[in-house]
C-alpha cells in the first residue's frame, strides 16, 4: 500500500468524521479542494469541484449551520443527522480514495467512513440531548457553534494535514464521550 493511498484513506476518514458534526461542511471543503486543485478527488467525483457544486454546497452549508442555532430545529435535525452523516461519510471516503478495487473501496468507505460519521453524529446528538435536558436548550447554540467549529477545523486540517486531522478527530471523540459520561452522571 503506497503512502499516497494511506494519506487518502486518512483524509477520507477525517472528512467522514467531520460529516458527523455537520453534513455539508466537509462536502463544501472537499468541493473547494477539488476546485482549486489542493487535493485530487476520485475520477468519478470531478464534478464536486465545479462551480454549480460549490454554490449548491455553499448554500446547503449556510442553511444547515443556521438551522442548528434554532432550538427546536436542532433537535429535529438530530433525528435525521445520523443516517445522513453516515451516507455523507461513506461518499466522502469514496471520493478521496485512489484507484483501488471497488469492492475494497466501498467496504472501507461504508465501514470506516460511514461508521466514523455515524459515531460522531450519534455522539453530538447525545450531547445536544443532554444539553437540552440539563439547560432547557439554552446551551444548545453554544453546542451548535462548537460543533460547527469542529467540523470546519477537521475538514480544513484534513485537506492540508490529514495526519493532524486524524489526531484532532480522535481527541474530539474522546472529549465527546467524556462530556456524555458527565452529563449521564448529572
N, C-alpha and C. Protein backbone atom coordinates (compact mmCIF):
# COMPACT_ATOMS: atom_id res chain seq x y z
N UNK A 1 0.86 -1.17 0.00
CA UNK A 1 0.00 0.00 0.00
C UNK A 1 0.90 1.24 0.00
N UNK A 2 0.67 2.14 -0.95
CA UNK A 2 1.51 3.32 -1.07
C UNK A 2 1.16 4.37 -0.02
N UNK A 3 2.13 5.25 0.22
CA UNK A 3 1.94 6.34 1.18
C UNK A 3 0.79 7.23 0.75
N UNK A 4 0.68 7.50 -0.55
CA UNK A 4 -0.41 8.34 -1.06
C UNK A 4 -1.78 7.73 -0.77
N UNK A 5 -1.88 6.42 -0.90
CA UNK A 5 -3.14 5.74 -0.62
C UNK A 5 -3.48 5.83 0.86
N UNK A 6 -2.48 5.65 1.71
CA UNK A 6 -2.70 5.76 3.16
C UNK A 6 -3.18 7.17 3.51
N UNK A 7 -2.54 8.17 2.93
CA UNK A 7 -2.95 9.56 3.18
C UNK A 7 -4.38 9.80 2.70
N UNK A 8 -4.72 9.25 1.53
CA UNK A 8 -6.08 9.46 1.03
C UNK A 8 -7.11 8.75 1.91
N UNK A 9 -6.77 7.61 2.48
CA UNK A 9 -7.68 6.92 3.40
C UNK A 9 -7.86 7.74 4.67
N UNK A 10 -6.76 8.26 5.21
CA UNK A 10 -6.84 9.10 6.42
C UNK A 10 -7.64 10.36 6.11
N UNK A 11 -7.42 10.95 4.95
CA UNK A 11 -8.18 12.14 4.54
C UNK A 11 -9.67 11.82 4.49
N UNK A 12 -10.02 10.73 3.83
CA UNK A 12 -11.43 10.34 3.72
C UNK A 12 -12.05 10.07 5.08
N UNK A 13 -11.32 9.38 5.94
CA UNK A 13 -11.81 9.08 7.29
C UNK A 13 -12.04 10.36 8.08
N UNK A 14 -11.10 11.29 8.02
CA UNK A 14 -11.22 12.55 8.76
C UNK A 14 -12.37 13.39 8.23
N UNK A 15 -12.50 13.48 6.92
CA UNK A 15 -13.64 14.23 6.35
C UNK A 15 -14.96 13.55 6.74
N UNK A 16 -14.97 12.22 6.75
CA UNK A 16 -16.18 11.50 7.14
C UNK A 16 -16.53 11.80 8.59
N UNK A 17 -15.53 11.81 9.46
CA UNK A 17 -15.79 12.13 10.87
C UNK A 17 -16.33 13.55 11.00
N UNK A 18 -15.79 14.47 10.21
CA UNK A 18 -16.29 15.86 10.23
C UNK A 18 -17.75 15.92 9.80
N UNK A 19 -18.15 15.02 8.91
CA UNK A 19 -19.55 14.98 8.48
C UNK A 19 -20.48 14.60 9.63
N UNK A 20 -19.92 13.99 10.66
CA UNK A 20 -20.71 13.69 11.85
C UNK A 20 -21.07 14.94 12.64
N UNK A 21 -20.26 15.98 12.51
CA UNK A 21 -20.56 17.26 13.16
C UNK A 21 -21.53 18.08 12.31
N UNK A 22 -21.22 18.21 11.03
CA UNK A 22 -22.06 18.93 10.07
C UNK A 22 -21.92 18.20 8.75
N UNK A 23 -23.03 17.83 8.15
CA UNK A 23 -23.01 17.03 6.93
C UNK A 23 -22.38 17.79 5.76
N UNK A 24 -22.74 19.07 5.61
CA UNK A 24 -22.33 19.78 4.40
C UNK A 24 -20.99 20.50 4.50
N UNK A 25 -20.48 20.78 5.69
CA UNK A 25 -19.20 21.49 5.82
C UNK A 25 -18.06 20.71 5.15
N UNK A 26 -17.86 19.41 5.46
CA UNK A 26 -16.76 18.71 4.79
C UNK A 26 -16.99 18.53 3.29
N UNK A 27 -18.24 18.42 2.88
CA UNK A 27 -18.52 18.33 1.44
C UNK A 27 -18.13 19.63 0.74
N UNK A 28 -18.42 20.77 1.39
CA UNK A 28 -18.02 22.06 0.82
C UNK A 28 -16.50 22.20 0.78
N UNK A 29 -15.83 21.78 1.85
CA UNK A 29 -14.37 21.85 1.88
C UNK A 29 -13.77 20.95 0.81
N UNK A 30 -14.32 19.75 0.63
CA UNK A 30 -13.85 18.86 -0.44
C UNK A 30 -14.08 19.50 -1.80
N UNK A 31 -15.23 20.15 -1.97
CA UNK A 31 -15.55 20.82 -3.23
C UNK A 31 -14.53 21.93 -3.51
N UNK A 32 -14.24 22.72 -2.50
CA UNK A 32 -13.23 23.79 -2.66
C UNK A 32 -11.87 23.20 -2.99
N UNK A 33 -11.53 22.10 -2.32
CA UNK A 33 -10.25 21.44 -2.55
C UNK A 33 -10.13 20.92 -3.98
N UNK A 34 -11.21 20.32 -4.48
CA UNK A 34 -11.20 19.81 -5.85
C UNK A 34 -11.17 20.97 -6.85
N UNK A 35 -11.92 22.02 -6.56
CA UNK A 35 -11.99 23.17 -7.46
C UNK A 35 -10.62 23.84 -7.63
N UNK A 36 -9.92 24.02 -6.51
CA UNK A 36 -8.63 24.71 -6.55
C UNK A 36 -7.43 23.78 -6.71
N UNK A 37 -7.70 22.46 -6.80
CA UNK A 37 -6.63 21.50 -7.02
C UNK A 37 -5.76 21.24 -5.80
N UNK A 38 -6.28 21.47 -4.60
CA UNK A 38 -5.50 21.24 -3.38
C UNK A 38 -5.34 19.76 -3.11
N UNK A 39 -6.36 18.97 -3.46
CA UNK A 39 -6.29 17.53 -3.29
C UNK A 39 -7.10 16.89 -4.41
N UNK A 40 -6.50 15.93 -5.10
CA UNK A 40 -7.25 15.29 -6.20
C UNK A 40 -8.33 14.36 -5.68
N UNK A 41 -9.48 14.41 -6.31
CA UNK A 41 -10.57 13.51 -5.96
C UNK A 41 -10.61 12.37 -6.97
N UNK A 42 -11.30 11.32 -6.63
CA UNK A 42 -11.52 10.18 -7.49
C UNK A 42 -12.05 10.67 -8.85
N UNK A 43 -11.67 10.02 -9.93
CA UNK A 43 -12.07 10.46 -11.28
C UNK A 43 -13.58 10.66 -11.43
N UNK A 44 -14.37 9.81 -10.83
CA UNK A 44 -15.82 9.92 -10.97
C UNK A 44 -16.39 11.06 -10.10
N UNK A 45 -15.55 11.70 -9.31
CA UNK A 45 -16.00 12.78 -8.43
C UNK A 45 -15.51 14.16 -8.88
N UNK A 46 -15.03 14.27 -10.09
CA UNK A 46 -14.53 15.55 -10.59
C UNK A 46 -15.61 16.64 -10.55
N UNK A 47 -16.86 16.26 -10.69
CA UNK A 47 -17.98 17.21 -10.68
C UNK A 47 -18.05 18.00 -9.38
N UNK A 48 -17.55 17.42 -8.27
CA UNK A 48 -17.67 18.08 -6.98
C UNK A 48 -16.89 19.40 -6.94
N UNK A 49 -15.93 19.57 -7.83
CA UNK A 49 -15.15 20.81 -7.89
C UNK A 49 -15.73 21.84 -8.84
N UNK A 50 -16.88 21.56 -9.42
CA UNK A 50 -17.49 22.50 -10.37
C UNK A 50 -18.12 23.68 -9.63
N UNK A 51 -18.31 24.78 -10.35
CA UNK A 51 -18.93 25.97 -9.76
C UNK A 51 -20.36 25.68 -9.28
N UNK A 52 -21.20 24.99 -10.07
CA UNK A 52 -22.54 24.68 -9.54
C UNK A 52 -22.50 23.88 -8.23
N UNK A 53 -21.58 22.92 -8.13
CA UNK A 53 -21.46 22.14 -6.90
C UNK A 53 -21.03 23.03 -5.74
N UNK A 54 -20.07 23.93 -6.00
CA UNK A 54 -19.63 24.87 -4.96
C UNK A 54 -20.79 25.73 -4.45
N UNK A 55 -21.58 26.26 -5.37
CA UNK A 55 -22.71 27.12 -4.99
C UNK A 55 -23.74 26.32 -4.20
N UNK A 56 -24.11 25.16 -4.71
CA UNK A 56 -25.11 24.33 -4.05
C UNK A 56 -24.65 23.91 -2.65
N UNK A 57 -23.42 23.45 -2.54
CA UNK A 57 -22.90 23.02 -1.24
C UNK A 57 -22.72 24.21 -0.29
N UNK A 58 -22.37 25.37 -0.83
CA UNK A 58 -22.26 26.57 0.00
C UNK A 58 -23.59 26.98 0.60
N UNK A 59 -24.62 26.98 -0.22
CA UNK A 59 -25.97 27.32 0.25
C UNK A 59 -26.45 26.28 1.27
N UNK A 60 -26.26 25.01 0.96
CA UNK A 60 -26.68 23.95 1.88
C UNK A 60 -25.95 24.07 3.23
N UNK A 61 -24.67 24.42 3.19
CA UNK A 61 -23.89 24.58 4.42
C UNK A 61 -24.43 25.73 5.25
N UNK A 62 -24.73 26.84 4.61
CA UNK A 62 -25.28 28.00 5.33
C UNK A 62 -26.61 27.64 6.01
N UNK A 63 -27.49 26.97 5.28
CA UNK A 63 -28.77 26.57 5.87
C UNK A 63 -28.59 25.58 7.01
N UNK A 64 -27.72 24.61 6.82
CA UNK A 64 -27.52 23.60 7.87
C UNK A 64 -26.95 24.25 9.14
N UNK A 65 -25.91 25.05 8.98
CA UNK A 65 -25.29 25.69 10.14
C UNK A 65 -26.30 26.60 10.85
N UNK A 66 -27.03 27.38 10.08
CA UNK A 66 -28.04 28.28 10.67
C UNK A 66 -29.14 27.53 11.38
N UNK A 67 -29.58 26.42 10.82
CA UNK A 67 -30.68 25.64 11.40
C UNK A 67 -30.32 25.10 12.78
N UNK A 68 -29.06 24.78 13.00
CA UNK A 68 -28.66 24.23 14.30
C UNK A 68 -28.68 25.29 15.41
N UNK A 69 -28.83 26.55 15.06
CA UNK A 69 -28.92 27.60 16.07
C UNK A 69 -30.36 27.90 16.46
N UNK A 70 -31.30 27.20 15.86
CA UNK A 70 -32.72 27.37 16.21
C UNK A 70 -33.09 26.18 17.09
N UNK A 71 -33.41 26.43 18.39
CA UNK A 71 -33.57 25.33 19.36
C UNK A 71 -34.46 24.16 18.94
N UNK A 72 -35.63 24.35 18.44
CA UNK A 72 -36.47 23.19 18.10
C UNK A 72 -36.03 22.54 16.80
N UNK A 73 -35.43 23.32 15.90
CA UNK A 73 -34.96 22.77 14.63
C UNK A 73 -33.74 21.87 14.85
N UNK A 74 -32.86 22.25 15.78
CA UNK A 74 -31.67 21.43 16.03
C UNK A 74 -32.04 20.03 16.50
N UNK A 75 -33.06 19.93 17.35
CA UNK A 75 -33.49 18.60 17.79
C UNK A 75 -34.16 17.83 16.66
N UNK A 76 -34.88 18.52 15.79
CA UNK A 76 -35.48 17.87 14.63
C UNK A 76 -34.39 17.35 13.69
N UNK A 77 -33.36 18.16 13.45
CA UNK A 77 -32.25 17.73 12.59
C UNK A 77 -31.52 16.52 13.17
N UNK A 78 -31.45 16.45 14.50
CA UNK A 78 -30.78 15.31 15.12
C UNK A 78 -31.46 13.98 14.79
N UNK A 79 -32.75 14.02 14.51
CA UNK A 79 -33.46 12.77 14.20
C UNK A 79 -33.04 12.20 12.84
N UNK A 80 -32.56 13.06 11.95
CA UNK A 80 -32.13 12.58 10.63
C UNK A 80 -30.63 12.69 10.41
N UNK A 81 -29.91 13.28 11.36
CA UNK A 81 -28.49 13.55 11.14
C UNK A 81 -27.63 12.29 11.09
N UNK A 82 -27.92 11.29 11.90
CA UNK A 82 -27.06 10.10 11.92
C UNK A 82 -27.07 9.37 10.57
N UNK A 83 -28.26 9.06 9.99
CA UNK A 83 -28.21 8.40 8.68
C UNK A 83 -27.63 9.29 7.58
N UNK A 84 -27.95 10.60 7.61
CA UNK A 84 -27.39 11.50 6.60
C UNK A 84 -25.87 11.60 6.73
N UNK A 85 -25.39 11.67 7.96
CA UNK A 85 -23.94 11.74 8.18
C UNK A 85 -23.27 10.45 7.71
N UNK A 86 -23.90 9.31 7.97
CA UNK A 86 -23.32 8.03 7.52
C UNK A 86 -23.21 7.98 6.00
N UNK A 87 -24.24 8.45 5.32
CA UNK A 87 -24.21 8.49 3.85
C UNK A 87 -23.12 9.45 3.38
N UNK A 88 -23.09 10.65 3.95
CA UNK A 88 -22.08 11.64 3.56
C UNK A 88 -20.68 11.11 3.85
N UNK A 89 -20.49 10.48 5.01
CA UNK A 89 -19.18 9.93 5.36
C UNK A 89 -18.73 8.86 4.38
N UNK A 90 -19.66 8.01 3.99
CA UNK A 90 -19.34 6.97 3.01
C UNK A 90 -18.92 7.60 1.68
N UNK A 91 -19.70 8.57 1.23
CA UNK A 91 -19.39 9.22 -0.05
C UNK A 91 -18.08 10.01 0.00
N UNK A 92 -17.81 10.68 1.10
CA UNK A 92 -16.55 11.42 1.24
C UNK A 92 -15.36 10.47 1.17
N UNK A 93 -15.50 9.33 1.79
CA UNK A 93 -14.41 8.34 1.76
C UNK A 93 -14.18 7.83 0.34
N UNK A 94 -15.25 7.52 -0.37
CA UNK A 94 -15.13 7.05 -1.75
C UNK A 94 -14.48 8.12 -2.62
N UNK A 95 -14.88 9.37 -2.42
CA UNK A 95 -14.37 10.46 -3.26
C UNK A 95 -12.87 10.67 -3.13
N UNK A 96 -12.33 10.37 -1.97
CA UNK A 96 -10.91 10.65 -1.74
C UNK A 96 -10.00 9.46 -1.99
N UNK A 97 -10.58 8.28 -2.18
CA UNK A 97 -9.76 7.09 -2.37
C UNK A 97 -9.25 7.01 -3.81
N UNK A 98 -8.04 6.58 -3.94
CA UNK A 98 -7.45 6.47 -5.27
C UNK A 98 -7.96 5.25 -6.01
N UNK A 99 -7.15 4.79 -6.93
CA UNK A 99 -7.52 3.63 -7.74
C UNK A 99 -7.33 2.35 -6.94
N UNK A 100 -8.42 1.89 -6.38
CA UNK A 100 -8.41 0.62 -5.65
C UNK A 100 -9.52 -0.24 -6.21
N UNK A 101 -9.48 -1.49 -5.86
CA UNK A 101 -10.56 -2.40 -6.23
C UNK A 101 -11.86 -1.81 -5.66
N UNK A 102 -12.92 -1.69 -6.48
CA UNK A 102 -14.17 -1.11 -6.00
C UNK A 102 -14.76 -1.82 -4.77
N UNK A 103 -14.56 -3.10 -4.68
CA UNK A 103 -15.07 -3.85 -3.52
C UNK A 103 -14.40 -3.37 -2.24
N UNK A 104 -13.09 -3.22 -2.29
CA UNK A 104 -12.34 -2.75 -1.12
C UNK A 104 -12.70 -1.30 -0.83
N UNK A 105 -12.78 -0.48 -1.87
CA UNK A 105 -13.11 0.93 -1.71
C UNK A 105 -14.45 1.09 -1.00
N UNK A 106 -15.48 0.42 -1.51
CA UNK A 106 -16.82 0.58 -0.93
C UNK A 106 -16.91 -0.03 0.46
N UNK A 107 -16.26 -1.17 0.67
CA UNK A 107 -16.29 -1.79 2.01
C UNK A 107 -15.63 -0.87 3.03
N UNK A 108 -14.48 -0.34 2.68
CA UNK A 108 -13.77 0.59 3.57
C UNK A 108 -14.57 1.87 3.78
N UNK A 109 -15.19 2.35 2.70
CA UNK A 109 -15.97 3.59 2.80
C UNK A 109 -17.18 3.41 3.71
N UNK A 110 -17.87 2.29 3.57
CA UNK A 110 -19.06 2.05 4.39
C UNK A 110 -18.67 1.84 5.85
N UNK A 111 -17.66 1.01 6.08
CA UNK A 111 -17.28 0.68 7.45
C UNK A 111 -16.57 1.86 8.13
N UNK A 112 -15.50 2.34 7.52
CA UNK A 112 -14.71 3.40 8.17
C UNK A 112 -15.35 4.78 7.99
N UNK A 113 -15.71 5.13 6.76
CA UNK A 113 -16.28 6.46 6.52
C UNK A 113 -17.66 6.62 7.11
N UNK A 114 -18.57 5.73 6.74
CA UNK A 114 -19.93 5.79 7.27
C UNK A 114 -19.96 5.56 8.77
N UNK A 115 -19.13 4.64 9.25
CA UNK A 115 -19.07 4.35 10.68
C UNK A 115 -18.57 5.52 11.49
N UNK A 116 -17.51 6.18 11.00
CA UNK A 116 -16.96 7.35 11.72
C UNK A 116 -17.98 8.48 11.78
N UNK A 117 -18.62 8.74 10.65
CA UNK A 117 -19.60 9.82 10.61
C UNK A 117 -20.79 9.53 11.53
N UNK A 118 -21.27 8.29 11.50
CA UNK A 118 -22.41 7.92 12.35
C UNK A 118 -22.03 7.98 13.83
N UNK A 119 -20.83 7.54 14.17
CA UNK A 119 -20.39 7.58 15.57
C UNK A 119 -20.29 9.01 16.08
N UNK A 120 -19.69 9.89 15.28
CA UNK A 120 -19.57 11.29 15.69
C UNK A 120 -20.95 11.94 15.76
N UNK A 121 -21.79 11.68 14.77
CA UNK A 121 -23.13 12.26 14.76
C UNK A 121 -23.96 11.78 15.95
N UNK A 122 -23.85 10.52 16.26
CA UNK A 122 -24.56 9.99 17.42
C UNK A 122 -24.08 10.63 18.72
N UNK A 123 -22.77 10.84 18.80
CA UNK A 123 -22.20 11.49 19.99
C UNK A 123 -22.67 12.93 20.10
N UNK A 124 -22.68 13.66 19.00
CA UNK A 124 -23.13 15.06 19.06
C UNK A 124 -24.62 15.14 19.35
N UNK A 125 -25.40 14.21 18.83
CA UNK A 125 -26.84 14.19 19.13
C UNK A 125 -27.07 13.94 20.61
N UNK A 126 -26.31 13.01 21.18
CA UNK A 126 -26.44 12.72 22.61
C UNK A 126 -26.01 13.92 23.45
N UNK A 127 -24.97 14.61 23.00
CA UNK A 127 -24.51 15.81 23.71
C UNK A 127 -25.58 16.88 23.68
N UNK A 128 -26.19 17.10 22.54
CA UNK A 128 -27.25 18.12 22.43
C UNK A 128 -28.47 17.72 23.26
N UNK A 129 -28.80 16.44 23.26
CA UNK A 129 -29.91 15.96 24.08
C UNK A 129 -29.63 16.21 25.56
N UNK A 130 -28.40 15.93 25.97
CA UNK A 130 -28.01 16.20 27.35
C UNK A 130 -28.05 17.68 27.66
N UNK A 131 -27.64 18.50 26.71
CA UNK A 131 -27.69 19.95 26.88
C UNK A 131 -29.13 20.43 27.00
N UNK A 132 -30.00 19.89 26.18
CA UNK A 132 -31.42 20.26 26.24
C UNK A 132 -32.01 19.85 27.58
N UNK A 133 -31.67 18.65 28.05
CA UNK A 133 -32.23 18.16 29.31
C UNK A 133 -31.71 18.93 30.51
N UNK A 134 -30.44 19.32 30.50
CA UNK A 134 -29.87 19.99 31.67
C UNK A 134 -30.01 21.50 31.66
N UNK A 135 -30.13 22.10 30.47
CA UNK A 135 -30.21 23.58 30.42
C UNK A 135 -31.50 24.07 29.78
N UNK A 136 -32.39 23.16 29.45
CA UNK A 136 -33.63 23.56 28.78
C UNK A 136 -33.39 24.09 27.38
N UNK A 137 -32.25 23.73 26.78
CA UNK A 137 -31.93 24.17 25.42
C UNK A 137 -31.17 25.48 25.34
N UNK A 138 -30.97 26.13 26.48
CA UNK A 138 -30.28 27.43 26.47
C UNK A 138 -28.84 27.28 25.98
N UNK A 139 -28.19 26.18 26.32
CA UNK A 139 -26.80 25.97 25.91
C UNK A 139 -26.66 25.38 24.51
N UNK A 140 -27.77 25.01 23.88
CA UNK A 140 -27.69 24.37 22.56
C UNK A 140 -26.99 25.22 21.50
N UNK A 141 -27.19 26.56 21.45
CA UNK A 141 -26.43 27.34 20.47
C UNK A 141 -24.91 27.27 20.70
N UNK A 142 -24.50 27.17 21.96
CA UNK A 142 -23.07 27.01 22.25
C UNK A 142 -22.58 25.66 21.72
N UNK A 143 -23.37 24.63 21.93
CA UNK A 143 -23.03 23.30 21.42
C UNK A 143 -22.98 23.34 19.89
N UNK A 144 -23.98 23.98 19.28
CA UNK A 144 -24.02 24.09 17.81
C UNK A 144 -22.80 24.82 17.26
N UNK A 145 -22.43 25.90 17.91
CA UNK A 145 -21.25 26.65 17.47
C UNK A 145 -19.98 25.83 17.58
N UNK A 146 -19.86 25.11 18.69
CA UNK A 146 -18.68 24.25 18.89
C UNK A 146 -18.61 23.16 17.84
N UNK A 147 -19.75 22.56 17.53
CA UNK A 147 -19.78 21.51 16.51
C UNK A 147 -19.41 22.06 15.13
N UNK A 148 -19.88 23.25 14.81
CA UNK A 148 -19.56 23.86 13.51
C UNK A 148 -18.07 24.16 13.43
N UNK A 149 -17.50 24.67 14.51
CA UNK A 149 -16.05 24.94 14.55
C UNK A 149 -15.28 23.64 14.40
N UNK A 150 -15.73 22.58 15.08
CA UNK A 150 -15.06 21.28 14.97
C UNK A 150 -15.13 20.74 13.54
N UNK A 151 -16.30 20.83 12.92
CA UNK A 151 -16.46 20.35 11.54
C UNK A 151 -15.54 21.11 10.59
N UNK A 152 -15.48 22.42 10.77
CA UNK A 152 -14.64 23.25 9.90
C UNK A 152 -13.16 22.97 10.13
N UNK A 153 -12.76 22.90 11.39
CA UNK A 153 -11.36 22.66 11.73
C UNK A 153 -10.88 21.31 11.20
N UNK A 154 -11.67 20.28 11.45
CA UNK A 154 -11.28 18.93 10.99
C UNK A 154 -11.27 18.87 9.47
N UNK A 155 -12.25 19.49 8.83
CA UNK A 155 -12.32 19.46 7.36
C UNK A 155 -11.12 20.15 6.73
N UNK A 156 -10.81 21.33 7.20
CA UNK A 156 -9.66 22.08 6.64
C UNK A 156 -8.36 21.37 6.95
N UNK A 157 -8.22 20.89 8.19
CA UNK A 157 -7.00 20.15 8.55
C UNK A 157 -6.86 18.89 7.70
N UNK A 158 -7.99 18.25 7.37
CA UNK A 158 -7.95 17.04 6.54
C UNK A 158 -7.30 17.29 5.20
N UNK A 159 -7.60 18.43 4.61
CA UNK A 159 -7.06 18.75 3.29
C UNK A 159 -5.57 19.08 3.36
N UNK A 160 -5.19 19.86 4.36
CA UNK A 160 -3.81 20.35 4.41
C UNK A 160 -2.88 19.50 5.27
N UNK A 161 -3.43 18.74 6.21
CA UNK A 161 -2.61 17.86 7.05
C UNK A 161 -3.47 16.71 7.57
N UNK A 162 -3.68 15.69 6.75
CA UNK A 162 -4.56 14.59 7.14
C UNK A 162 -4.18 13.91 8.47
N UNK A 163 -2.89 13.79 8.74
CA UNK A 163 -2.46 13.15 9.99
C UNK A 163 -2.90 14.00 11.19
N UNK A 164 -2.72 15.32 11.10
CA UNK A 164 -3.17 16.23 12.16
C UNK A 164 -4.68 16.12 12.33
N UNK A 165 -5.39 16.05 11.24
CA UNK A 165 -6.86 15.94 11.29
C UNK A 165 -7.27 14.66 12.01
N UNK A 166 -6.57 13.57 11.76
CA UNK A 166 -6.88 12.31 12.43
C UNK A 166 -6.68 12.44 13.94
N UNK A 167 -5.61 13.09 14.35
CA UNK A 167 -5.36 13.31 15.78
C UNK A 167 -6.47 14.16 16.38
N UNK A 168 -6.88 15.22 15.67
CA UNK A 168 -7.96 16.09 16.16
C UNK A 168 -9.25 15.29 16.29
N UNK A 169 -9.57 14.46 15.31
CA UNK A 169 -10.79 13.64 15.35
C UNK A 169 -10.77 12.74 16.58
N UNK A 170 -9.67 12.07 16.81
CA UNK A 170 -9.58 11.16 17.96
C UNK A 170 -9.73 11.91 19.28
N UNK A 171 -9.11 13.09 19.37
CA UNK A 171 -9.26 13.92 20.58
C UNK A 171 -10.70 14.38 20.77
N UNK A 172 -11.35 14.80 19.70
CA UNK A 172 -12.74 15.25 19.79
C UNK A 172 -13.69 14.13 20.18
N UNK A 173 -13.46 12.95 19.64
CA UNK A 173 -14.30 11.80 20.01
C UNK A 173 -14.13 11.48 21.49
N UNK A 174 -12.89 11.50 21.95
CA UNK A 174 -12.63 11.26 23.38
C UNK A 174 -13.28 12.32 24.25
N UNK A 175 -13.19 13.57 23.85
CA UNK A 175 -13.83 14.66 24.59
C UNK A 175 -15.35 14.50 24.60
N UNK A 176 -15.92 14.13 23.47
CA UNK A 176 -17.37 13.93 23.38
C UNK A 176 -17.85 12.84 24.33
N UNK A 177 -17.12 11.73 24.37
CA UNK A 177 -17.51 10.65 25.28
C UNK A 177 -17.39 11.08 26.73
N UNK A 178 -16.37 11.88 27.02
CA UNK A 178 -16.18 12.37 28.40
C UNK A 178 -17.35 13.28 28.80
N UNK A 179 -17.78 14.15 27.90
CA UNK A 179 -18.90 15.05 28.17
C UNK A 179 -20.19 14.25 28.38
N UNK A 180 -20.41 13.27 27.52
CA UNK A 180 -21.63 12.44 27.65
C UNK A 180 -21.61 11.70 28.99
N UNK A 181 -20.46 11.17 29.39
CA UNK A 181 -20.38 10.47 30.66
C UNK A 181 -20.71 11.40 31.82
N UNK A 182 -20.23 12.62 31.77
CA UNK A 182 -20.51 13.59 32.83
C UNK A 182 -21.99 13.97 32.85
N UNK A 183 -22.57 14.14 31.67
CA UNK A 183 -24.00 14.50 31.61
C UNK A 183 -24.87 13.37 32.14
N UNK A 184 -24.48 12.14 31.89
CA UNK A 184 -25.25 10.99 32.37
C UNK A 184 -25.21 10.90 33.89
N UNK A 185 -24.08 11.29 34.48
CA UNK A 185 -23.95 11.27 35.94
C UNK A 185 -24.70 12.41 36.60
N UNK A 186 -24.94 13.49 35.85
CA UNK A 186 -25.58 14.68 36.43
C UNK A 186 -27.07 14.50 36.62
